[in-house]
Amino acid sequence: MANLGPTELIIIAVVVLLLFGAKRLPDTAKALGQSLRLFKKETAKLRDEDSAEPAVVKAQAETVTAPQQVTAASPVEDRLRALEEENRRLKAAAGEPTVNGTPLSQAQKDQSSS
């Protein structure tokens, strides 16, 4: 890219002024400055966390205990098992026509017994 002289810079400034308008330029510059300050602040925070992390990892490594064996099924596993059974039942019933969500053969049995 060629060096930009003063005339080229003036032309670029005029084009930017025409595109964005004089009213919006200060607001845009203010928002850009706030964004840069926030970015600097967050990167400094990350650097501080990275330097403090090895001590935290070492402390956590000392306090870790062996996991206990869980014999009882958790409520999540029970719910998962129930959903899998419902899924199997629905897949089996998918081939059969249904009446209000019950298989047609079951609906016919219910109707004949009534």
N, C-alpha and C. Protein backbone atom coordinates (compact mmCIF):
# COMPACT_ATOMS: atom_id res chain seq x y z
N MET A 1 0.85 -1.17 0.00
CA MET A 1 0.00 0.00 0.00
C MET A 1 0.90 1.23 0.00
N ALA A 2 0.55 2.20 -0.76
CA ALA A 2 1.34 3.42 -0.87
C ALA A 2 1.18 4.28 0.37
N ASN A 3 2.15 5.16 0.59
CA ASN A 3 2.06 6.08 1.72
C ASN A 3 0.92 7.06 1.50
N LEU A 4 0.18 7.32 2.55
CA LEU A 4 -0.93 8.26 2.45
C LEU A 4 -0.43 9.66 2.77
N GLY A 5 -0.66 10.54 1.87
CA GLY A 5 -0.26 11.93 2.08
C GLY A 5 -1.38 12.71 2.75
N PRO A 6 -1.15 13.98 2.99
CA PRO A 6 -2.16 14.81 3.66
C PRO A 6 -3.44 14.96 2.83
N THR A 7 -3.33 15.01 1.52
CA THR A 7 -4.54 15.16 0.71
C THR A 7 -5.40 13.90 0.76
N GLU A 8 -4.75 12.73 0.76
CA GLU A 8 -5.50 11.48 0.84
C GLU A 8 -6.20 11.36 2.19
N LEU A 9 -5.50 11.75 3.26
CA LEU A 9 -6.10 11.69 4.59
C LEU A 9 -7.29 12.63 4.72
N ILE A 10 -7.19 13.80 4.11
CA ILE A 10 -8.31 14.75 4.14
C ILE A 10 -9.49 14.19 3.38
N ILE A 11 -9.24 13.55 2.23
CA ILE A 11 -10.33 12.95 1.45
C ILE A 11 -11.00 11.83 2.24
N ILE A 12 -10.21 10.99 2.90
CA ILE A 12 -10.77 9.90 3.71
C ILE A 12 -11.61 10.48 4.85
N ALA A 13 -11.11 11.53 5.51
CA ALA A 13 -11.86 12.15 6.61
C ALA A 13 -13.19 12.72 6.12
N VAL A 14 -13.20 13.35 4.95
CA VAL A 14 -14.43 13.91 4.40
C VAL A 14 -15.42 12.79 4.08
N VAL A 15 -14.94 11.70 3.50
CA VAL A 15 -15.82 10.58 3.16
C VAL A 15 -16.43 9.98 4.43
N VAL A 16 -15.60 9.80 5.47
CA VAL A 16 -16.10 9.25 6.73
C VAL A 16 -17.13 10.20 7.33
N LEU A 17 -16.86 11.48 7.28
CA LEU A 17 -17.78 12.48 7.81
C LEU A 17 -19.10 12.45 7.05
N LEU A 18 -19.05 12.29 5.73
CA LEU A 18 -20.27 12.22 4.94
C LEU A 18 -21.04 10.92 5.20
N LEU A 19 -20.32 9.83 5.37
CA LEU A 19 -21.00 8.55 5.59
C LEU A 19 -21.68 8.47 6.96
N PHE A 20 -20.98 8.88 7.99
CA PHE A 20 -21.50 8.71 9.35
C PHE A 20 -22.19 9.95 9.88
N GLY A 21 -21.88 11.10 9.36
CA GLY A 21 -22.49 12.33 9.83
C GLY A 21 -21.74 12.87 11.04
N ALA A 22 -21.73 14.17 11.16
CA ALA A 22 -20.99 14.82 12.24
C ALA A 22 -21.61 14.52 13.60
N LYS A 23 -22.89 14.25 13.64
CA LYS A 23 -23.58 14.01 14.90
C LYS A 23 -23.22 12.65 15.50
N ARG A 24 -23.01 11.65 14.66
CA ARG A 24 -22.75 10.30 15.15
C ARG A 24 -21.28 10.02 15.44
N LEU A 25 -20.37 10.78 14.88
CA LEU A 25 -18.94 10.53 15.07
C LEU A 25 -18.50 10.61 16.54
N PRO A 26 -18.89 11.63 17.33
CA PRO A 26 -18.46 11.66 18.73
C PRO A 26 -19.00 10.47 19.53
N ASP A 27 -20.25 10.09 19.27
CA ASP A 27 -20.81 8.93 19.97
C ASP A 27 -20.07 7.65 19.61
N THR A 28 -19.72 7.51 18.36
CA THR A 28 -18.98 6.34 17.91
C THR A 28 -17.60 6.29 18.53
N ALA A 29 -16.93 7.44 18.58
CA ALA A 29 -15.60 7.50 19.19
C ALA A 29 -15.67 7.19 20.68
N LYS A 30 -16.69 7.67 21.35
CA LYS A 30 -16.87 7.40 22.79
C LYS A 30 -17.09 5.91 23.02
N ALA A 31 -17.94 5.29 22.23
CA ALA A 31 -18.21 3.86 22.37
C ALA A 31 -16.95 3.04 22.09
N LEU A 32 -16.18 3.46 21.11
CA LEU A 32 -14.93 2.76 20.80
C LEU A 32 -13.95 2.87 21.96
N GLY A 33 -13.85 4.05 22.56
CA GLY A 33 -12.96 4.23 23.71
C GLY A 33 -13.38 3.37 24.89
N GLN A 34 -14.70 3.30 25.16
CA GLN A 34 -15.19 2.46 26.26
C GLN A 34 -14.90 1.00 25.99
N SER A 35 -15.06 0.59 24.76
CA SER A 35 -14.79 -0.81 24.41
C SER A 35 -13.32 -1.15 24.61
N LEU A 36 -12.44 -0.23 24.21
CA LEU A 36 -11.01 -0.47 24.39
C LEU A 36 -10.64 -0.55 25.87
N ARG A 37 -11.22 0.33 26.70
CA ARG A 37 -10.94 0.29 28.14
C ARG A 37 -11.41 -1.02 28.75
N LEU A 38 -12.59 -1.46 28.35
CA LEU A 38 -13.12 -2.73 28.86
C LEU A 38 -12.24 -3.89 28.43
N PHE A 39 -11.78 -3.86 27.18
CA PHE A 39 -10.92 -4.92 26.67
C PHE A 39 -9.60 -4.97 27.45
N LYS A 40 -9.00 -3.81 27.71
CA LYS A 40 -7.76 -3.76 28.49
C LYS A 40 -7.98 -4.31 29.90
N LYS A 41 -9.08 -3.92 30.51
CA LYS A 41 -9.39 -4.36 31.87
C LYS A 41 -9.55 -5.88 31.93
N GLU A 42 -10.25 -6.45 30.98
CA GLU A 42 -10.48 -7.90 30.96
C GLU A 42 -9.19 -8.66 30.67
N THR A 43 -8.35 -8.17 29.77
CA THR A 43 -7.09 -8.87 29.50
C THR A 43 -6.17 -8.81 30.70
N ALA A 44 -6.18 -7.69 31.43
CA ALA A 44 -5.38 -7.60 32.65
C ALA A 44 -5.89 -8.60 33.69
N LYS A 45 -7.21 -8.75 33.78
CA LYS A 45 -7.81 -9.71 34.71
C LYS A 45 -7.40 -11.14 34.36
N LEU A 46 -7.40 -11.44 33.07
CA LEU A 46 -7.00 -12.78 32.63
C LEU A 46 -5.55 -13.06 32.96
N ARG A 47 -4.68 -12.05 32.76
CA ARG A 47 -3.27 -12.23 33.10
C ARG A 47 -3.10 -12.48 34.59
N ASP A 48 -3.85 -11.75 35.42
CA ASP A 48 -3.78 -11.95 36.87
C ASP A 48 -4.26 -13.34 37.26
N GLU A 49 -5.34 -13.81 36.62
CA GLU A 49 -5.86 -15.14 36.91
C GLU A 49 -4.87 -16.22 36.49
N ASP A 50 -4.21 -16.03 35.35
CA ASP A 50 -3.24 -17.01 34.88
C ASP A 50 -2.05 -17.12 35.82
N SER A 51 -1.61 -16.00 36.37
CA SER A 51 -0.47 -16.05 37.29
C SER A 51 -0.87 -16.65 38.62
N ALA A 52 -2.13 -16.54 39.04
CA ALA A 52 -2.60 -17.10 40.31
C ALA A 52 -3.05 -18.54 40.16
N GLU A 53 -3.25 -19.02 38.96
CA GLU A 53 -3.80 -20.36 38.73
C GLU A 53 -2.91 -21.50 39.23
N PRO A 54 -1.59 -21.52 39.06
CA PRO A 54 -0.80 -22.66 39.52
C PRO A 54 -0.94 -22.92 41.02
N ALA A 55 -1.04 -21.90 41.84
CA ALA A 55 -1.21 -22.09 43.27
C ALA A 55 -2.56 -22.71 43.58
N VAL A 56 -3.59 -22.31 42.87
CA VAL A 56 -4.93 -22.85 43.09
C VAL A 56 -4.98 -24.31 42.67
N VAL A 57 -4.38 -24.65 41.55
CA VAL A 57 -4.37 -26.03 41.07
C VAL A 57 -3.64 -26.92 42.07
N LYS A 58 -2.54 -26.46 42.61
CA LYS A 58 -1.79 -27.24 43.58
C LYS A 58 -2.62 -27.46 44.84
N ALA A 59 -3.32 -26.43 45.31
CA ALA A 59 -4.16 -26.56 46.50
C ALA A 59 -5.31 -27.52 46.24
N GLN A 60 -5.91 -27.47 45.07
CA GLN A 60 -7.01 -28.36 44.75
C GLN A 60 -6.52 -29.80 44.65
N ALA A 61 -5.32 -30.02 44.15
CA ALA A 61 -4.79 -31.37 44.00
C ALA A 61 -4.60 -32.02 45.37
N GLU A 62 -4.28 -31.25 46.37
CA GLU A 62 -4.08 -31.80 47.70
C GLU A 62 -5.39 -32.17 48.37
N THR A 63 -6.48 -31.48 48.05
CA THR A 63 -7.75 -31.71 48.73
C THR A 63 -8.66 -32.71 48.03
N VAL A 64 -8.28 -33.22 46.87
CA VAL A 64 -9.12 -34.16 46.15
C VAL A 64 -9.09 -35.52 46.84
N THR A 65 -10.27 -36.10 47.05
CA THR A 65 -10.39 -37.42 47.66
C THR A 65 -10.94 -38.39 46.64
N ALA A 66 -10.84 -39.66 46.95
CA ALA A 66 -11.35 -40.68 46.04
C ALA A 66 -12.87 -40.61 46.00
N PRO A 67 -13.45 -40.74 44.82
CA PRO A 67 -14.91 -40.69 44.73
C PRO A 67 -15.54 -41.91 45.39
N GLN A 68 -16.68 -41.70 46.01
CA GLN A 68 -17.39 -42.79 46.66
C GLN A 68 -18.24 -43.51 45.63
N GLN A 69 -18.37 -44.80 45.84
CA GLN A 69 -19.17 -45.59 44.91
C GLN A 69 -20.65 -45.38 45.24
N VAL A 70 -21.41 -45.05 44.23
CA VAL A 70 -22.83 -44.81 44.41
C VAL A 70 -23.57 -46.08 44.00
N THR A 71 -24.33 -46.63 44.93
CA THR A 71 -25.05 -47.87 44.63
C THR A 71 -26.49 -47.60 44.23
N ALA A 72 -27.10 -46.60 44.81
CA ALA A 72 -28.49 -46.30 44.47
C ALA A 72 -28.54 -45.48 43.19
N ALA A 73 -29.55 -45.75 42.37
CA ALA A 73 -29.71 -45.01 41.13
C ALA A 73 -30.18 -43.59 41.45
N SER A 74 -29.62 -42.64 40.75
CA SER A 74 -30.01 -41.25 40.98
C SER A 74 -31.36 -40.98 40.30
N PRO A 75 -32.04 -39.92 40.71
CA PRO A 75 -33.32 -39.59 40.07
C PRO A 75 -33.18 -39.32 38.58
N VAL A 76 -32.03 -38.82 38.18
CA VAL A 76 -31.81 -38.56 36.75
C VAL A 76 -31.76 -39.87 35.99
N GLU A 77 -31.07 -40.86 36.55
CA GLU A 77 -30.99 -42.16 35.88
C GLU A 77 -32.36 -42.82 35.82
N ASP A 78 -33.16 -42.68 36.89
CA ASP A 78 -34.51 -43.24 36.88
C ASP A 78 -35.36 -42.59 35.79
N ARG A 79 -35.25 -41.28 35.69
CA ARG A 79 -36.02 -40.56 34.68
C ARG A 79 -35.55 -40.96 33.28
N LEU A 80 -34.24 -41.12 33.10
CA LEU A 80 -33.70 -41.54 31.81
C LEU A 80 -34.20 -42.92 31.43
N ARG A 81 -34.20 -43.82 32.38
CA ARG A 81 -34.69 -45.18 32.13
C ARG A 81 -36.17 -45.15 31.74
N ALA A 82 -36.98 -44.35 32.43
CA ALA A 82 -38.40 -44.25 32.11
C ALA A 82 -38.60 -43.68 30.72
N LEU A 83 -37.80 -42.68 30.35
CA LEU A 83 -37.93 -42.10 29.01
C LEU A 83 -37.52 -43.09 27.93
N GLU A 84 -36.49 -43.89 28.20
CA GLU A 84 -36.08 -44.90 27.22
C GLU A 84 -37.17 -45.95 27.04
N GLU A 85 -37.82 -46.36 28.13
CA GLU A 85 -38.92 -47.32 28.01
C GLU A 85 -40.08 -46.73 27.22
N GLU A 86 -40.40 -45.48 27.48
CA GLU A 86 -41.46 -44.81 26.75
C GLU A 86 -41.10 -44.70 25.27
N ASN A 87 -39.84 -44.44 24.97
CA ASN A 87 -39.38 -44.35 23.59
C ASN A 87 -39.54 -45.69 22.89
N ARG A 88 -39.14 -46.78 23.57
CA ARG A 88 -39.30 -48.11 22.97
C ARG A 88 -40.77 -48.42 22.72
N ARG A 89 -41.64 -48.07 23.68
CA ARG A 89 -43.06 -48.34 23.53
C ARG A 89 -43.64 -47.55 22.36
N LEU A 90 -43.21 -46.31 22.21
CA LEU A 90 -43.72 -45.49 21.11
C LEU A 90 -43.21 -45.99 19.76
N LYS A 91 -41.96 -46.45 19.72
CA LYS A 91 -41.44 -47.00 18.47
C LYS A 91 -42.17 -48.27 18.08
N ALA A 92 -42.48 -49.10 19.07
CA ALA A 92 -43.22 -50.33 18.79
C ALA A 92 -44.62 -50.02 18.30
N ALA A 93 -45.22 -48.98 18.86
CA ALA A 93 -46.58 -48.62 18.48
C ALA A 93 -46.62 -47.80 17.20
N ALA A 94 -45.48 -47.34 16.72
CA ALA A 94 -45.47 -46.49 15.53
C ALA A 94 -45.96 -47.23 14.30
N GLY A 95 -45.73 -48.53 14.25
CA GLY A 95 -46.18 -49.31 13.11
C GLY A 95 -47.68 -49.56 13.13
N GLU A 96 -48.27 -49.52 14.32
CA GLU A 96 -49.70 -49.77 14.45
C GLU A 96 -50.48 -48.47 14.34
N PRO A 97 -51.69 -48.53 13.75
CA PRO A 97 -52.54 -47.34 13.77
C PRO A 97 -53.03 -47.10 15.21
N THR A 98 -53.26 -45.83 15.54
CA THR A 98 -53.67 -45.49 16.90
C THR A 98 -55.00 -44.77 16.91
N VAL A 99 -55.68 -44.86 18.05
CA VAL A 99 -56.90 -44.12 18.29
C VAL A 99 -56.68 -43.34 19.57
N ASN A 100 -56.61 -42.03 19.45
CA ASN A 100 -56.37 -41.15 20.61
C ASN A 100 -55.12 -41.57 21.38
N GLY A 101 -54.06 -41.96 20.70
CA GLY A 101 -52.80 -42.27 21.34
C GLY A 101 -52.66 -43.70 21.81
N THR A 102 -53.71 -44.51 21.75
CA THR A 102 -53.60 -45.92 22.13
C THR A 102 -53.63 -46.76 20.86
N PRO A 103 -52.93 -47.89 20.85
CA PRO A 103 -52.93 -48.75 19.67
C PRO A 103 -54.34 -49.18 19.31
N LEU A 104 -54.58 -49.34 18.01
CA LEU A 104 -55.92 -49.69 17.53
C LEU A 104 -56.38 -51.02 18.11
N SER A 105 -55.48 -51.98 18.23
CA SER A 105 -55.87 -53.28 18.78
C SER A 105 -56.34 -53.14 20.22
N GLN A 106 -55.68 -52.30 21.01
CA GLN A 106 -56.09 -52.08 22.40
C GLN A 106 -57.42 -51.34 22.44
N ALA A 107 -57.63 -50.36 21.54
CA ALA A 107 -58.88 -49.62 21.50
C ALA A 107 -60.03 -50.53 21.12
N GLN A 108 -59.80 -51.49 20.20
CA GLN A 108 -60.85 -52.43 19.81
C GLN A 108 -61.20 -53.35 20.98
N LYS A 109 -60.18 -53.78 21.72
CA LYS A 109 -60.44 -54.64 22.89
C LYS A 109 -61.28 -53.89 23.91
N ASP A 110 -60.92 -52.64 24.17
CA ASP A 110 -61.65 -51.82 25.14
C ASP A 110 -63.08 -51.61 24.69
N GLN A 111 -63.29 -51.40 23.38
CA GLN A 111 -64.62 -51.15 22.86
C GLN A 111 -65.49 -52.41 22.90
N SER A 112 -64.90 -53.56 22.61
CA SER A 112 -65.67 -54.81 22.61
C SER A 112 -66.03 -55.23 24.02
N SER A 113 -65.22 -54.89 25.02
CA SER A 113 -65.53 -55.26 26.39
C SER A 113 -66.56 -54.31 27.01
N SER A 114 -66.81 -53.17 26.38
CA SER A 114 -67.79 -52.21 26.94
C SER A 114 -69.20 -52.58 26.60
